[in-house]
N, C-alpha and C. Protein backbone atom coordinates (compact mmCIF):
# COMPACT_ATOMS: atom_id res chain seq x y z
N MET A 1 80.21 -27.91 23.37
CA MET A 1 81.36 -28.46 22.71
C MET A 1 82.36 -27.77 21.82
N ILE A 2 83.60 -27.49 22.32
CA ILE A 2 84.54 -26.77 21.67
C ILE A 2 85.18 -27.48 20.83
N SER A 3 85.36 -27.27 19.58
CA SER A 3 86.18 -28.07 18.39
C SER A 3 87.30 -26.99 17.92
N LEU A 4 88.63 -27.67 18.01
CA LEU A 4 89.82 -26.97 17.41
C LEU A 4 89.98 -27.51 16.02
N GLU A 5 90.53 -26.58 15.08
CA GLU A 5 90.63 -26.96 13.64
C GLU A 5 92.11 -25.98 13.29
N ARG A 6 93.03 -26.67 12.59
CA ARG A 6 94.26 -26.04 12.29
C ARG A 6 94.15 -25.57 10.77
N HIS A 7 94.57 -24.50 10.46
CA HIS A 7 94.69 -23.64 9.14
C HIS A 7 95.90 -23.63 8.92
N THR A 8 96.33 -23.73 7.65
CA THR A 8 97.82 -23.50 7.31
C THR A 8 97.73 -22.93 5.91
N GLY A 9 99.10 -22.34 5.73
CA GLY A 9 99.03 -21.53 4.35
C GLY A 9 97.91 -20.73 3.98
N LYS A 10 97.58 -20.63 2.65
CA LYS A 10 96.46 -19.87 2.21
C LYS A 10 95.23 -20.02 2.88
N ALA A 11 94.75 -21.38 3.48
CA ALA A 11 93.70 -21.49 4.14
C ALA A 11 93.60 -20.67 5.43
N ILE A 12 94.48 -19.87 5.98
CA ILE A 12 94.52 -19.30 7.16
C ILE A 12 93.52 -17.82 6.68
N SER A 13 93.58 -17.45 5.61
CA SER A 13 92.94 -16.36 5.00
C SER A 13 91.50 -16.75 5.55
N SER A 14 90.77 -17.87 5.62
CA SER A 14 89.53 -18.02 6.03
C SER A 14 89.20 -17.62 7.66
N VAL A 15 90.13 -17.42 8.40
CA VAL A 15 89.95 -17.08 9.74
C VAL A 15 90.42 -15.82 10.22
N VAL A 16 91.10 -14.92 8.85
CA VAL A 16 91.67 -13.96 9.37
C VAL A 16 90.85 -12.62 9.98
N ASP A 17 89.56 -12.66 9.65
CA ASP A 17 88.69 -11.64 10.21
C ASP A 17 88.30 -12.00 11.48
N ASP A 18 88.00 -13.15 12.05
CA ASP A 18 87.72 -13.79 13.00
C ASP A 18 88.96 -13.44 14.25
N LEU A 19 90.14 -13.77 13.79
CA LEU A 19 91.23 -13.79 14.48
C LEU A 19 91.58 -12.33 14.79
N ALA A 20 91.25 -11.33 13.72
CA ALA A 20 91.55 -9.97 13.97
C ALA A 20 90.46 -9.34 15.03
N ARG A 21 89.33 -9.71 14.92
CA ARG A 21 88.23 -9.37 16.02
C ARG A 21 88.77 -9.86 17.15
N LEU A 22 89.21 -10.99 17.26
CA LEU A 22 89.50 -11.55 18.64
C LEU A 22 90.68 -10.83 19.10
N ARG A 23 91.78 -10.42 18.41
CA ARG A 23 92.92 -9.65 19.03
C ARG A 23 92.57 -8.33 19.24
N VAL A 24 91.85 -7.70 18.88
CA VAL A 24 91.25 -6.27 19.12
C VAL A 24 90.87 -6.41 20.41
N ALA A 25 89.86 -7.28 20.72
CA ALA A 25 89.06 -7.44 21.87
C ALA A 25 90.24 -7.95 23.04
N VAL A 26 90.73 -8.93 22.76
CA VAL A 26 91.45 -9.36 23.77
C VAL A 26 92.70 -8.64 24.36
N PHE A 27 93.15 -8.15 23.01
CA PHE A 27 94.54 -7.39 23.27
C PHE A 27 94.46 -5.89 23.91
N ARG A 28 93.27 -5.67 24.30
CA ARG A 28 92.53 -4.40 25.14
C ARG A 28 92.89 -4.56 26.37
N GLU A 29 92.82 -5.83 26.81
CA GLU A 29 92.56 -6.14 28.39
C GLU A 29 94.34 -6.18 28.80
N PHE A 30 94.36 -6.09 30.00
CA PHE A 30 95.57 -6.51 30.87
C PHE A 30 96.20 -7.75 30.56
N PRO A 31 97.29 -8.10 30.30
CA PRO A 31 98.57 -7.34 30.47
C PRO A 31 99.07 -6.35 29.32
N TYR A 32 98.08 -6.66 28.11
CA TYR A 32 98.42 -6.40 26.62
C TYR A 32 98.32 -4.62 26.75
N LEU A 33 97.19 -4.29 26.80
CA LEU A 33 96.70 -2.81 26.92
C LEU A 33 96.93 -2.10 25.57
N TYR A 34 96.63 -2.71 24.59
CA TYR A 34 96.80 -2.36 23.30
C TYR A 34 95.77 -2.13 22.34
N GLU A 35 95.85 -0.82 21.81
CA GLU A 35 94.44 -0.34 21.03
C GLU A 35 94.73 -0.43 19.68
N GLY A 36 94.53 -1.45 18.99
CA GLY A 36 94.68 -1.86 17.77
C GLY A 36 93.21 -1.63 16.87
N SER A 37 93.44 -1.75 15.69
CA SER A 37 92.27 -1.61 14.87
C SER A 37 91.87 -2.77 14.18
N LEU A 38 90.81 -3.01 13.58
CA LEU A 38 90.57 -4.01 12.88
C LEU A 38 91.04 -3.93 11.58
N GLU A 39 91.09 -2.95 11.16
CA GLU A 39 91.73 -2.73 9.64
C GLU A 39 93.53 -3.13 9.66
N TYR A 40 93.82 -2.60 10.67
CA TYR A 40 95.18 -3.01 10.66
C TYR A 40 95.36 -4.66 10.94
N GLU A 41 94.82 -5.04 12.05
CA GLU A 41 94.78 -6.62 12.14
C GLU A 41 94.68 -7.23 11.08
N GLN A 42 93.55 -6.99 10.26
CA GLN A 42 93.33 -7.86 9.30
C GLN A 42 94.64 -7.97 7.95
N LYS A 43 95.14 -6.53 7.79
CA LYS A 43 96.15 -6.77 7.02
C LYS A 43 97.61 -7.29 7.68
N TYR A 44 97.68 -7.04 8.83
CA TYR A 44 98.88 -7.58 9.80
C TYR A 44 98.68 -9.09 9.44
N LEU A 45 97.61 -9.88 9.63
CA LEU A 45 97.33 -11.05 9.71
C LEU A 45 97.16 -11.86 8.39
N GLN A 46 97.08 -11.26 7.24
CA GLN A 46 97.07 -11.85 5.92
C GLN A 46 98.57 -12.36 5.66
N THR A 47 99.48 -11.57 6.46
CA THR A 47 100.92 -12.31 6.33
C THR A 47 100.98 -13.83 6.87
N TYR A 48 100.29 -14.35 7.56
CA TYR A 48 100.39 -15.58 7.76
C TYR A 48 100.11 -16.39 6.86
N ALA A 49 99.05 -16.03 5.96
CA ALA A 49 98.68 -16.67 4.73
C ALA A 49 99.84 -17.08 3.80
N GLN A 50 101.03 -16.67 4.09
CA GLN A 50 102.04 -16.34 2.95
C GLN A 50 102.71 -17.52 3.25
N GLY A 51 103.01 -18.06 4.60
CA GLY A 51 103.80 -19.12 4.66
C GLY A 51 103.07 -20.70 4.68
N LEU A 52 104.05 -21.45 3.87
CA LEU A 52 103.32 -22.72 4.08
C LEU A 52 103.13 -23.49 5.34
N ASP A 53 104.17 -23.08 6.25
CA ASP A 53 104.34 -23.75 7.61
C ASP A 53 103.58 -23.17 8.65
N ASN A 54 103.06 -21.92 8.20
CA ASN A 54 102.21 -21.22 9.03
C ASN A 54 101.17 -21.56 9.44
N VAL A 55 100.52 -21.48 10.80
CA VAL A 55 99.52 -22.35 11.31
C VAL A 55 98.63 -21.27 12.19
N VAL A 56 97.23 -21.48 12.06
CA VAL A 56 96.40 -20.86 13.01
C VAL A 56 95.35 -21.85 13.58
N VAL A 57 95.50 -22.04 14.77
CA VAL A 57 94.58 -23.06 15.35
C VAL A 57 93.32 -22.30 16.09
N ALA A 58 92.19 -22.43 15.31
CA ALA A 58 90.85 -21.87 15.60
C ALA A 58 90.17 -22.72 16.56
N ALA A 59 89.51 -22.32 17.68
CA ALA A 59 88.79 -22.97 18.59
C ALA A 59 87.30 -22.33 18.44
N ARG A 60 86.44 -23.28 17.77
CA ARG A 60 84.82 -22.78 17.53
C ARG A 60 83.86 -23.56 18.51
N ASP A 61 83.13 -22.64 18.84
CA ASP A 61 81.78 -22.78 19.61
C ASP A 61 80.76 -22.94 18.45
N GLY A 62 80.42 -24.26 18.20
CA GLY A 62 79.34 -24.20 16.99
C GLY A 62 80.38 -23.41 15.55
N VAL A 63 79.62 -22.42 15.00
CA VAL A 63 80.29 -21.87 13.81
C VAL A 63 81.09 -20.77 14.41
N GLN A 64 80.79 -20.15 15.62
CA GLN A 64 81.63 -18.86 16.04
C GLN A 64 82.89 -19.48 16.68
N VAL A 65 83.78 -18.39 15.99
CA VAL A 65 85.40 -18.61 16.20
C VAL A 65 85.47 -17.88 17.90
N VAL A 66 85.99 -18.51 18.80
CA VAL A 66 85.82 -17.93 20.27
C VAL A 66 87.62 -17.80 20.61
N GLY A 67 88.26 -18.56 19.95
CA GLY A 67 89.60 -18.24 20.31
C GLY A 67 90.49 -18.57 19.11
N ALA A 68 91.95 -18.52 19.38
CA ALA A 68 92.79 -18.57 18.19
C ALA A 68 94.17 -18.57 18.61
N SER A 69 94.84 -19.28 17.95
CA SER A 69 96.38 -19.38 18.15
C SER A 69 97.20 -19.43 16.95
N THR A 70 98.28 -18.68 17.03
CA THR A 70 99.17 -18.63 15.67
C THR A 70 100.55 -19.24 15.90
N ALA A 71 101.44 -19.73 14.93
CA ALA A 71 102.67 -19.96 15.12
C ALA A 71 103.02 -19.86 13.50
N MET A 72 104.32 -19.37 13.45
CA MET A 72 105.40 -19.55 12.18
C MET A 72 106.89 -19.96 12.39
N PRO A 73 107.42 -20.48 11.42
CA PRO A 73 108.77 -20.56 11.83
C PRO A 73 109.56 -19.21 12.06
N LEU A 74 110.28 -19.24 13.01
CA LEU A 74 111.25 -17.90 13.22
C LEU A 74 111.63 -17.20 12.29
N VAL A 75 112.09 -17.84 11.40
CA VAL A 75 113.04 -17.02 10.22
C VAL A 75 111.76 -16.21 9.50
N LEU A 76 110.74 -16.46 9.95
CA LEU A 76 109.66 -15.50 9.19
C LEU A 76 109.04 -14.52 9.93
N GLU A 77 109.62 -14.29 11.07
CA GLU A 77 108.88 -13.44 12.03
C GLU A 77 109.80 -11.98 11.75
N SER A 78 109.40 -11.17 12.34
CA SER A 78 109.91 -9.36 12.40
C SER A 78 111.30 -9.48 13.02
N GLU A 79 112.14 -8.61 12.45
CA GLU A 79 113.59 -8.46 12.96
C GLU A 79 113.56 -8.12 14.43
N GLU A 80 112.86 -7.35 14.95
CA GLU A 80 112.53 -7.24 16.39
C GLU A 80 112.42 -8.64 17.16
N VAL A 81 111.50 -9.56 16.78
CA VAL A 81 111.66 -10.71 17.36
C VAL A 81 112.72 -11.65 17.23
N VAL A 82 113.19 -11.74 15.88
CA VAL A 82 114.41 -12.49 15.60
C VAL A 82 115.88 -12.06 16.31
N ARG A 83 115.90 -10.54 16.74
CA ARG A 83 117.25 -10.26 16.80
C ARG A 83 117.92 -10.93 18.29
N PRO A 84 117.08 -11.08 19.30
CA PRO A 84 117.67 -11.78 20.43
C PRO A 84 118.19 -13.09 20.32
N PHE A 85 117.58 -13.75 19.19
CA PHE A 85 118.05 -15.26 19.21
C PHE A 85 119.56 -15.13 18.16
N VAL A 86 119.38 -14.37 17.17
CA VAL A 86 120.74 -13.94 16.61
C VAL A 86 121.93 -13.62 17.41
N ALA A 87 121.54 -12.68 18.45
CA ALA A 87 122.43 -12.11 19.39
C ALA A 87 123.01 -13.39 19.88
N LEU A 88 122.10 -14.14 20.35
CA LEU A 88 122.78 -15.36 21.53
C LEU A 88 123.25 -16.34 20.59
N GLY A 89 123.44 -16.46 19.21
CA GLY A 89 123.79 -17.25 18.59
C GLY A 89 123.20 -18.55 18.12
N TYR A 90 121.83 -18.42 18.36
CA TYR A 90 120.95 -19.55 17.76
C TYR A 90 120.88 -19.40 16.32
N ALA A 91 120.91 -20.74 16.19
CA ALA A 91 120.34 -21.07 14.49
C ALA A 91 118.74 -21.07 14.19
N LEU A 92 118.36 -20.17 13.55
CA LEU A 92 116.92 -19.90 13.43
C LEU A 92 116.08 -20.86 12.84
N GLU A 93 116.46 -21.57 11.86
CA GLU A 93 116.02 -22.74 10.85
C GLU A 93 115.26 -23.79 11.55
N PRO A 94 115.77 -24.31 12.99
CA PRO A 94 114.92 -25.17 13.57
C PRO A 94 114.15 -24.83 14.50
N ILE A 95 113.48 -23.54 14.65
CA ILE A 95 112.78 -23.13 15.86
C ILE A 95 111.51 -22.39 15.27
N PHE A 96 110.35 -22.79 15.65
CA PHE A 96 109.29 -22.45 15.27
C PHE A 96 108.72 -21.51 16.57
N TYR A 97 108.07 -20.53 16.08
CA TYR A 97 107.86 -19.39 17.06
C TYR A 97 106.04 -19.31 17.10
N PHE A 98 105.89 -19.43 18.36
CA PHE A 98 104.36 -19.64 18.85
C PHE A 98 103.83 -18.07 18.99
N GLY A 99 103.09 -17.60 18.37
CA GLY A 99 102.64 -16.08 18.58
C GLY A 99 101.49 -16.13 19.27
N GLU A 100 100.67 -15.42 18.93
CA GLU A 100 99.47 -15.14 20.17
C GLU A 100 98.44 -16.11 20.39
N SER A 101 98.04 -16.22 21.62
CA SER A 101 96.88 -17.12 21.71
C SER A 101 95.69 -16.11 22.33
N VAL A 102 94.62 -16.04 21.55
CA VAL A 102 93.38 -15.36 22.09
C VAL A 102 92.08 -16.04 22.19
N LEU A 103 91.73 -15.81 23.61
CA LEU A 103 90.36 -16.59 23.71
C LEU A 103 89.53 -15.56 24.70
N LEU A 104 88.13 -15.73 24.19
CA LEU A 104 87.20 -15.05 24.76
C LEU A 104 87.10 -15.41 26.40
N PRO A 105 86.72 -14.35 27.18
CA PRO A 105 87.15 -14.71 28.48
C PRO A 105 85.88 -15.76 29.16
N GLU A 106 84.84 -15.88 28.47
CA GLU A 106 84.01 -16.89 28.98
C GLU A 106 84.36 -18.28 28.66
N TYR A 107 85.55 -18.55 27.98
CA TYR A 107 85.80 -20.04 27.41
C TYR A 107 87.32 -20.03 28.38
N ARG A 108 87.80 -19.26 28.86
CA ARG A 108 89.04 -19.31 29.51
C ARG A 108 88.90 -20.28 30.65
N GLY A 109 89.92 -21.04 31.12
CA GLY A 109 90.16 -22.02 32.13
C GLY A 109 89.36 -23.25 32.30
N GLN A 110 89.16 -23.62 30.70
CA GLN A 110 88.75 -24.95 30.35
C GLN A 110 89.77 -25.80 29.47
N GLY A 111 90.97 -25.27 29.69
CA GLY A 111 92.16 -26.12 29.01
C GLY A 111 92.27 -25.82 27.68
N LEU A 112 91.73 -24.69 27.04
CA LEU A 112 92.16 -24.83 25.64
C LEU A 112 93.15 -24.19 25.32
N GLY A 113 93.90 -23.12 26.50
CA GLY A 113 95.22 -22.61 26.33
C GLY A 113 96.44 -23.85 25.87
N VAL A 114 95.95 -24.93 26.94
CA VAL A 114 96.84 -25.78 26.66
C VAL A 114 96.69 -26.63 25.47
N ARG A 115 95.62 -26.68 25.03
CA ARG A 115 95.30 -27.70 23.63
C ARG A 115 96.02 -26.68 22.51
N PHE A 116 95.96 -25.32 22.71
CA PHE A 116 96.65 -24.40 21.58
C PHE A 116 97.83 -24.84 21.31
N PHE A 117 98.78 -24.91 22.59
CA PHE A 117 100.08 -25.42 22.82
C PHE A 117 100.22 -26.68 22.00
N GLU A 118 99.64 -27.57 22.53
CA GLU A 118 99.72 -28.87 22.11
C GLU A 118 99.41 -29.13 20.72
N GLU A 119 98.42 -28.35 19.98
CA GLU A 119 98.20 -28.28 18.18
C GLU A 119 99.49 -27.56 17.71
N ARG A 120 100.08 -26.58 18.08
CA ARG A 120 101.17 -25.81 17.83
C ARG A 120 102.22 -26.66 17.66
N GLU A 121 102.72 -27.15 18.89
CA GLU A 121 103.73 -28.21 18.92
C GLU A 121 103.79 -29.48 17.99
N ASN A 122 102.45 -30.11 17.97
CA ASN A 122 102.36 -31.10 16.84
C ASN A 122 102.45 -30.57 15.57
N HIS A 123 102.07 -29.60 15.34
CA HIS A 123 102.17 -29.26 13.78
C HIS A 123 103.74 -28.65 13.57
N ALA A 124 104.72 -28.16 14.54
CA ALA A 124 105.78 -27.92 14.40
C ALA A 124 106.64 -29.51 14.25
N LEU A 125 106.26 -30.17 15.20
CA LEU A 125 106.85 -31.28 14.76
C LEU A 125 106.78 -32.12 13.69
N GLU A 126 105.48 -32.10 12.95
CA GLU A 126 105.10 -32.51 11.76
C GLU A 126 105.87 -31.94 10.48
N ARG A 127 106.21 -30.71 11.07
CA ARG A 127 107.03 -30.19 9.53
C ARG A 127 108.47 -29.91 9.84
N GLY A 128 108.79 -30.66 10.84
CA GLY A 128 110.38 -31.13 10.98
C GLY A 128 110.97 -29.90 12.06
N TYR A 129 110.28 -28.92 12.73
CA TYR A 129 111.13 -27.99 13.50
C TYR A 129 111.55 -28.72 14.93
N THR A 130 112.52 -28.71 15.56
CA THR A 130 113.07 -29.23 16.58
C THR A 130 112.86 -28.59 18.11
N LEU A 131 112.56 -27.04 17.71
CA LEU A 131 112.32 -26.15 19.01
C LEU A 131 111.27 -25.01 18.98
N ALA A 132 110.78 -24.71 19.97
CA ALA A 132 109.85 -23.57 19.94
C ALA A 132 110.20 -22.69 20.96
N THR A 133 109.55 -21.45 20.59
CA THR A 133 109.70 -20.36 21.41
C THR A 133 108.31 -19.52 21.29
N PHE A 134 108.38 -18.52 22.30
CA PHE A 134 107.27 -17.72 22.33
C PHE A 134 107.47 -16.30 23.42
N CYS A 135 106.94 -15.41 23.09
CA CYS A 135 107.00 -14.11 23.96
C CYS A 135 105.66 -13.76 24.80
N ALA A 136 105.83 -13.15 25.81
CA ALA A 136 104.86 -12.87 26.87
C ALA A 136 105.16 -11.44 27.06
N VAL A 137 103.72 -10.98 27.04
CA VAL A 137 103.81 -9.47 27.83
C VAL A 137 103.73 -9.59 29.41
N GLN A 138 104.69 -9.13 30.24
CA GLN A 138 104.69 -9.19 31.65
C GLN A 138 104.56 -7.55 32.21
N ARG A 139 103.46 -7.68 32.92
CA ARG A 139 103.41 -6.45 33.51
C ARG A 139 103.50 -6.65 35.25
N PRO A 140 104.04 -5.63 35.90
CA PRO A 140 103.81 -5.82 37.32
C PRO A 140 102.38 -5.97 37.90
N LEU A 141 102.06 -7.03 39.01
CA LEU A 141 100.64 -7.02 39.40
C LEU A 141 100.26 -5.46 39.93
N GLU A 142 101.29 -4.66 40.20
CA GLU A 142 100.93 -3.32 40.83
C GLU A 142 100.52 -2.59 40.05
N HIS A 143 100.59 -2.82 38.66
CA HIS A 143 100.18 -1.85 37.53
C HIS A 143 98.79 -1.41 37.86
N PRO A 144 98.60 -0.16 37.72
CA PRO A 144 97.35 0.44 37.96
C PRO A 144 96.07 -0.10 37.12
N ARG A 145 96.35 -0.77 36.13
CA ARG A 145 95.11 -1.23 35.33
C ARG A 145 95.13 -2.65 35.56
N CYS A 146 95.78 -3.41 36.62
CA CYS A 146 95.62 -4.80 36.76
C CYS A 146 94.44 -5.12 37.47
N PRO A 147 93.54 -5.82 36.69
CA PRO A 147 92.09 -6.04 37.67
C PRO A 147 92.42 -7.21 38.69
N PRO A 148 91.66 -7.02 39.73
CA PRO A 148 91.87 -7.67 41.03
C PRO A 148 91.67 -9.31 40.75
N ASP A 149 91.06 -9.74 39.86
CA ASP A 149 91.12 -11.31 39.39
C ASP A 149 92.10 -11.86 38.30
N TYR A 150 92.86 -11.05 38.03
CA TYR A 150 93.78 -11.21 37.09
C TYR A 150 95.01 -12.47 37.46
N VAL A 151 94.76 -13.37 36.44
CA VAL A 151 95.74 -14.72 36.77
C VAL A 151 96.89 -14.72 35.63
N PRO A 152 98.25 -14.63 36.14
CA PRO A 152 99.18 -14.27 35.41
C PRO A 152 99.35 -15.89 34.48
N LEU A 153 99.89 -15.66 33.45
CA LEU A 153 100.00 -16.87 32.55
C LEU A 153 101.14 -17.63 32.78
N ASP A 154 101.97 -17.53 33.82
CA ASP A 154 103.47 -17.70 33.93
C ASP A 154 103.21 -19.51 33.79
N SER A 155 102.45 -20.01 33.98
CA SER A 155 102.52 -21.73 33.87
C SER A 155 102.64 -21.99 32.51
N PHE A 156 102.25 -21.12 31.71
CA PHE A 156 102.54 -21.50 30.08
C PHE A 156 103.84 -21.33 29.77
């Protein structure tokens, strides 16, 4: 039985190491093809513990964290993420930014991705945000590193 738990603010620090490990493992896969380091990820993810409205939804199988999903107010995101919204004239304050969702392969296809979205949406609504957004990495299915069994996440 997989359980989900929300961590907010400083409590996010308790799952940073698990999330960093998951990000390094999952983001090496297609379509991300990212070669991050555990040290970089741990430092980067500590920024999530700085915002009171920030959230990490952790999926646990017993005591092991097998997946996680992040979100924060868009105004706290990096300039490169915020720039397109500003260019299009959006007010940033009502928008909640859904960051990554990472899940070990053996736990995929069980509805946890949908539950990650639901938990983040509920958190954003509880905090008074009225809009949500997220980014996705898209690569052509003809990409040389695309595995034959790859399923795009377009439905999200």
